[in-house]
Amino acid sequence: MAVIKTSFTLRLNLIDHAKIRKIAEGENRSMTNMIETLVKEKIKKYEKEN
């Protein structure tokens, strides 16, 4: 089954961008995959608490 995804523009300051890139490289992920993973983790935490 295909996963339907949407795209959008995300603006980050240079420091946050560099930090996410560093984390992504350490986990052998792309920036996009890292951001998607972080968002999913935050959603899961929110849903567990609410």
C-alpha atoms as a PDB file:
ATOM      1  CA  MET A   1       0.000   0.000   0.000  1.00  0.00           C
ATOM      2  CA  ALA A   2       1.419   3.366  -0.990  1.00  0.00           C
ATOM      3  CA  VAL A   3       2.048   5.988   1.643  1.00  0.00           C
ATOM      4  CA  ILE A   4       0.700   9.390   0.693  1.00  0.00           C
ATOM      5  CA  LYS A   5       2.945  12.209   1.838  1.00  0.00           C
ATOM      6  CA  THR A   6       2.761  15.946   1.585  1.00  0.00           C
ATOM      7  CA  SER A   7       5.583  18.433   1.273  1.00  0.00           C
ATOM      8  CA  PHE A   8       6.038  21.900   2.696  1.00  0.00           C
ATOM      9  CA  THR A   9       8.709  24.521   3.208  1.00  0.00           C
ATOM     10  CA  LEU A  10      10.515  24.521   6.525  1.00  0.00           C
ATOM     11  CA  ARG A  11      12.705  27.431   7.519  1.00  0.00           C
ATOM     12  CA  LEU A  12      15.352  26.822  10.169  1.00  0.00           C
ATOM     13  CA  ASN A  13      17.992  29.092  11.568  1.00  0.00           C
ATOM     14  CA  LEU A  14      21.518  28.075  10.636  1.00  0.00           C
ATOM     15  CA  ILE A  15      22.398  26.732  14.092  1.00  0.00           C
ATOM     16  CA  ASP A  16      19.358  24.436  14.319  1.00  0.00           C
ATOM     17  CA  HIS A  17      19.940  23.271  10.735  1.00  0.00           C
ATOM     18  CA  ALA A  18      23.550  22.396  11.531  1.00  0.00           C
ATOM     19  CA  LYS A  19      22.547  20.530  14.702  1.00  0.00           C
ATOM     20  CA  ILE A  20      19.906  18.462  12.931  1.00  0.00           C
ATOM     21  CA  ARG A  21      22.327  17.713  10.100  1.00  0.00           C
ATOM     22  CA  LYS A  22      24.941  16.553  12.638  1.00  0.00           C
ATOM     23  CA  ILE A  23      22.416  14.283  14.384  1.00  0.00           C
ATOM     24  CA  ALA A  24      21.238  12.911  11.016  1.00  0.00           C
ATOM     25  CA  GLU A  25      24.791  12.161   9.905  1.00  0.00           C
ATOM     26  CA  GLY A  26      25.460  10.368  13.198  1.00  0.00           C
ATOM     27  CA  GLU A  27      22.438   8.142  12.574  1.00  0.00           C
ATOM     28  CA  ASN A  28      23.210   7.717   8.855  1.00  0.00           C
ATOM     29  CA  ARG A  29      19.962   9.450   7.869  1.00  0.00           C
ATOM     30  CA  SER A  30      19.057  12.199   5.462  1.00  0.00           C
ATOM     31  CA  MET A  31      17.951  15.556   6.838  1.00  0.00           C
ATOM     32  CA  THR A  32      14.425  14.873   5.614  1.00  0.00           C
ATOM     33  CA  ASN A  33      14.297  11.478   7.268  1.00  0.00           C
ATOM     34  CA  MET A  34      15.701  12.890  10.501  1.00  0.00           C
ATOM     35  CA  ILE A  35      13.125  15.677  10.657  1.00  0.00           C
ATOM     36  CA  GLU A  36      10.325  13.217   9.857  1.00  0.00           C
ATOM     37  CA  THR A  37      11.559  10.907  12.630  1.00  0.00           C
ATOM     38  CA  LEU A  38      11.725  13.744  15.161  1.00  0.00           C
ATOM     39  CA  VAL A  39       8.196  14.862  14.272  1.00  0.00           C
ATOM     40  CA  LYS A  40       6.847  11.312  14.596  1.00  0.00           C
ATOM     41  CA  GLU A  41       8.528  10.917  18.003  1.00  0.00           C
ATOM     42  CA  LYS A  42       6.990  14.183  19.222  1.00  0.00           C
ATOM     43  CA  ILE A  43       3.533  13.161  17.958  1.00  0.00           C
ATOM     44  CA  LYS A  44       3.822   9.770  19.666  1.00  0.00           C
ATOM     45  CA  LYS A  45       4.826  11.462  22.956  1.00  0.00           C
ATOM     46  CA  TYR A  46       1.973  13.955  22.677  1.00  0.00           C
ATOM     47  CA  GLU A  47      -0.587  11.232  21.972  1.00  0.00           C
ATOM     48  CA  LYS A  48       0.655   9.154  24.903  1.00  0.00           C
ATOM     49  CA  GLU A  49       0.327  12.114  27.272  1.00  0.00           C
ATOM     50  CA  ASN A  50      -3.058  13.267  25.967  1.00  0.00           C
END
